[in-house]
Structures are given as structure tokens and as C-alpha cells.
Protein backbone atom coordinates (compact mmCIF):
# COMPACT_ATOMS: atom_id res chain seq x y z
CA MET A 1 158.61 161.02 99.64
CA ASP A 2 161.12 158.34 99.27
CA ASN A 3 164.18 157.95 96.99
CA LEU A 4 162.32 156.81 93.79
CA GLU A 5 159.92 159.25 93.67
CA LYS A 6 162.54 162.07 94.13
CA PHE A 7 164.76 160.66 91.24
CA ILE A 8 161.76 160.46 88.87
CA LEU A 9 160.77 163.92 89.70
CA GLN A 10 164.23 165.28 89.18
CA ASN A 11 164.87 163.59 86.12
CA ARG A 12 161.44 163.71 84.46
CA GLU A 13 162.26 165.44 81.46
CA GLU A 14 165.04 162.71 80.54
CA PHE A 15 162.10 160.13 80.62
CA ASP A 16 160.06 161.96 77.96
CA PHE A 17 162.54 161.95 75.20
CA ASN A 18 161.19 158.82 73.43
CA GLU A 19 157.66 160.29 72.66
CA PRO A 20 156.49 159.32 69.27
CA SER A 21 156.09 162.21 66.72
CA PRO A 22 153.03 164.10 65.93
CA GLU A 23 153.03 162.70 62.54
CA ILE A 24 152.70 158.95 63.83
CA TRP A 25 149.60 160.06 66.02
CA ASP A 26 147.89 161.49 62.73
CA LYS A 27 148.66 158.63 60.99
CA ILE A 28 146.90 156.48 63.65
CA GLU A 29 143.91 158.63 64.10
CA ASN A 30 143.41 158.74 60.12
CA ARG A 31 143.71 155.09 59.64
CA LYS A 32 140.50 153.20 58.84
CA PRO A 33 139.46 149.99 60.70
CA LYS A 34 139.97 146.94 58.29
CA SER A 35 136.65 145.43 57.85
CA LYS A 36 136.69 141.63 58.11
CA ILE A 37 135.41 139.50 55.57
CA ILE A 38 132.88 136.84 56.77
CA THR A 39 132.87 133.64 55.14
CA ILE A 40 129.93 131.85 55.99
CA ASN A 41 130.10 128.11 55.75
CA TRP A 42 126.13 127.20 55.21
CA LYS A 43 126.75 123.32 55.42
CA LYS A 44 128.69 123.72 58.67
CA ASN A 45 125.86 126.15 60.21
CA ILE A 46 122.89 124.13 59.15
CA LEU A 47 124.41 120.76 60.55
CA ARG A 48 125.25 122.66 63.93
CA ALA A 49 121.55 123.97 63.81
CA ALA A 50 120.11 120.56 63.01
CA SER A 51 122.01 118.66 65.74
CA VAL A 52 120.89 121.43 68.13
CA ILE A 53 117.39 121.05 67.00
CA ILE A 54 117.39 116.98 67.35
CA ILE A 55 119.09 117.30 70.73
CA ALA A 56 116.36 119.48 72.19
CA SER A 57 113.79 117.36 70.44
CA ILE A 58 115.25 114.25 71.80
CA THR A 59 115.58 115.92 75.58
CA PHE A 60 112.14 117.27 75.28
CA PHE A 61 110.31 113.78 74.31
CA ILE A 62 112.31 111.73 77.09
CA GLN A 63 110.91 114.52 80.00
CA GLU A 64 107.61 114.27 78.38
CA TYR A 65 107.94 110.30 78.76
CA ARG A 66 108.98 110.93 82.04
CA HIS A 67 106.32 113.09 83.06
CA ARG A 68 103.67 110.86 81.70
CA ASP A 69 104.79 107.93 83.97
CA GLU A 70 105.10 110.25 86.89
CA VAL A 71 101.43 111.12 86.30
CA LYS A 72 100.30 107.49 85.37
CA GLU A 73 102.00 106.37 88.91
CA ASN A 74 100.41 109.32 90.77
CA THR A 75 96.89 108.59 89.25
CA ILE A 76 97.45 105.02 90.08
CA SER A 77 97.85 105.66 93.77
CA GLN A 78 95.47 108.64 93.71
CA ASN A 79 92.58 106.49 92.44
CA ASN A 80 93.31 103.46 94.29
CA LYS A 81 93.54 101.47 91.03
CA ASN A 82 94.78 97.92 91.16
CA VAL A 83 98.56 97.28 91.80
CA ILE A 84 99.63 94.96 89.21
CA ILE A 85 100.48 91.79 90.62
CA PRO A 86 99.05 88.78 88.59
CA GLU A 87 98.27 86.50 91.64
CA LEU A 88 96.43 89.33 93.38
CA LYS A 89 94.46 89.97 90.33
CA GLU A 90 93.50 86.36 90.09
CA VAL A 91 92.53 86.57 93.89
CA GLU A 92 90.52 89.69 93.66
CA ASP A 93 88.32 88.42 90.73
CA TYR A 94 87.83 84.97 92.44
CA TYR A 95 86.69 86.73 95.76
CA ASN A 96 84.63 89.62 93.89
CA ASN A 97 82.64 86.71 91.98
CA GLU A 98 81.91 84.96 95.35
CA VAL A 99 80.96 88.01 96.90
CA ASP A 100 78.64 88.82 93.87
CA ARG A 101 77.20 85.38 93.90
CA LYS A 102 76.41 85.60 97.85
CA MET A 103 74.93 89.10 97.47
CA LYS A 104 72.63 87.61 95.00
CA GLU A 105 71.68 84.80 97.33
CA ILE A 106 70.89 86.96 100.18
CA THR A 107 68.93 89.71 97.77
CA LYS A 108 66.67 86.47 96.88
CA LEU A 109 66.24 85.37 100.63
CA ALA A 110 65.87 88.76 102.27
CA ASN A 111 62.91 89.81 100.35
CA TYR A 112 63.89 93.51 100.70
CA ASN A 113 64.27 93.29 104.43
CA SER A 114 65.61 96.96 105.12
CA GLU A 115 67.00 95.90 108.35
CA ILE A 116 69.09 93.11 107.20
CA GLN A 117 70.08 95.11 103.93
CA GLN A 118 71.16 98.11 106.28
CA HIS A 119 73.38 95.97 108.41
CA LEU A 120 75.07 94.24 105.49
CA GLU A 121 75.61 97.59 103.76
CA THR A 122 77.23 98.83 106.97
CA ASP A 123 79.51 95.70 107.33
CA LEU A 124 80.58 95.75 103.60
CA ALA A 125 81.22 99.36 103.66
CA GLU A 126 83.52 98.84 106.68
CA LEU A 127 85.40 96.16 105.20
CA ASP A 128 85.79 97.75 101.87
CA SER A 129 87.32 101.02 103.57
CA VAL A 130 89.74 98.45 105.28
CA TYR A 131 90.36 97.12 101.78
CA PHE A 132 91.14 100.64 100.37
CA GLU A 133 93.27 101.32 102.87
CA LEU A 134 95.35 98.15 102.73
CA LYS A 135 95.25 98.70 98.94
CA ASN A 136 97.20 102.26 99.52
CA ASP A 137 99.56 100.59 101.64
CA LEU A 138 100.39 97.82 98.88
CA ASN A 139 100.82 100.94 96.56
CA ASP A 140 103.30 102.73 98.62
CA ASN A 141 105.33 99.33 99.40
CA ILE A 142 104.39 96.87 96.84
CA ASP A 143 106.78 94.06 97.93
CA ASN A 144 105.09 93.99 101.35
CA GLU A 145 103.60 90.28 101.69
CA GLU A 146 101.84 91.15 104.91
CA VAL A 147 99.65 93.77 103.33
CA VAL A 148 98.60 91.08 100.41
CA ALA A 149 97.72 88.76 103.10
CA ALA A 150 95.70 91.15 105.02
CA MET A 151 93.86 92.04 101.66
CA VAL A 152 92.95 88.12 101.14
CA GLN A 153 91.86 88.11 105.06
CA ASN A 154 89.71 91.03 104.17
CA TYR A 155 87.98 89.04 101.47
CA LYS A 156 87.75 86.14 103.55
CA VAL A 157 85.96 87.92 106.19
CA LYS A 158 83.68 89.43 104.03
CA LEU A 159 82.63 86.25 102.73
CA GLN A 160 82.34 85.07 105.99
CA VAL A 161 80.01 87.64 106.80
CA LEU A 162 77.76 87.20 103.51
CA GLU A 163 77.72 83.07 104.43
CA GLU A 164 76.57 84.14 107.97
CA ILE A 165 73.80 86.11 106.66
CA LEU A 166 72.99 83.60 104.37
CA TYR A 167 72.82 80.93 106.85
CA PHE A 168 70.42 83.14 109.04
CA LEU A 169 68.12 83.79 106.14
CA GLU A 170 68.19 79.98 105.06
CA ALA A 171 67.20 79.30 108.71
CA LYS A 172 64.61 81.90 108.58
CA ASN A 173 63.10 80.54 105.55
CA LYS A 174 63.01 76.94 106.46
CA ASN A 175 60.99 77.91 109.78
CA LYS A 176 58.57 79.86 107.90
CA ASP A 177 58.20 76.93 105.51
CA GLU A 178 57.86 74.30 108.40
CA LYS A 179 55.20 76.77 110.02
CA ALA A 180 53.12 76.95 106.84
CA LYS A 181 53.30 73.11 106.61
CA GLU A 182 51.83 72.64 110.07
CA TYR A 183 49.05 75.12 109.32
CA GLU A 184 48.43 73.10 106.07
CA LEU A 185 47.94 70.08 107.94
């Protein structure tokens, strides 16, 4: 035991001389707690509630707007929609019109030749799959000029294939016409 503890134990009675009287403890126990009077400032509370509602609404609408944009972007990239580049849109329109025009000519000349149509469908399907891959690449990196150039080249190849088939069909039909004339003479 150290000296401080010894001193406290030896002089304990002297430390207890300042205890409150039992009357004071009775008064403390019998005292009733004071009730607080709460004054409500309705205008202030309504303004606070309104501001919380306004802030929450604005936050909600901002989140919704962002979410719609994200969904829209994801839908565009998932569905291989046209990337909005005005020049590319014009090029696509031009080449699609040319392809449609050539396809109509081929249909007239092929006379529903299933072998030619089968080859044509196979070739065009391969070119279309390459084109959609390029379009996906363009969705990922819209500033890539090489991808746009490859897309245009794909259209050129498609037209070249159609022109070669047209040339073949025209030559074949010309030979038929010449043979038919020979038989007439």
C-alpha cells in the first residue's frame, strides 16, 4: 500500500464532514421535473419540409434523367442502331439505295435462279455480319476514322459483288438472246 492510500484510510472520517443533510436529499427526491413548453413555429417547419421535398424531388428527377440516358445508350449499342454521324448516315442511305437498286435488277435477270440467289445471300450475309461488327466498334469508339472507312469499304465491296453478278447475268441473258436469234434465222 502506498502512502496516499494509508493517509486516506487513516483520515476517512475527516473527509466525510461535508455531506449534505438528509433534508436536502428529501427536497431533491420530491422535486418534480419542470415540463418544457414547446413552441412550434409552423411556418419555419413547413418551409423546412418543403425544401426537403423539393431537394428530394430534384435529386430523383436528375437520377431518372441519367438512368434514361444510360438505358438509351445501352440500347443503342446493344441493338446496333445507327451511330449518329451525319456524314455516315448520308453514306449509309446512298449505299443502301444503290444496293436495293442492284438487287432489283438482279432479281429481274436471275429469273429466280436458286443457285445464284443462294450465293448472293451467302455473300451479302457475310458482308452484313462484318458491317455490324464494324458498327459495334464504332459504338465503342465513335471518333475512329478507320472504322468509318472500313464501313464505307464494306459497302463498296457489297456493290462490287452485286455488279459482278449483274454483269454475269447480263452476259448470260445476252448469250441466250443471240442463240435465240440464230435459231430464228
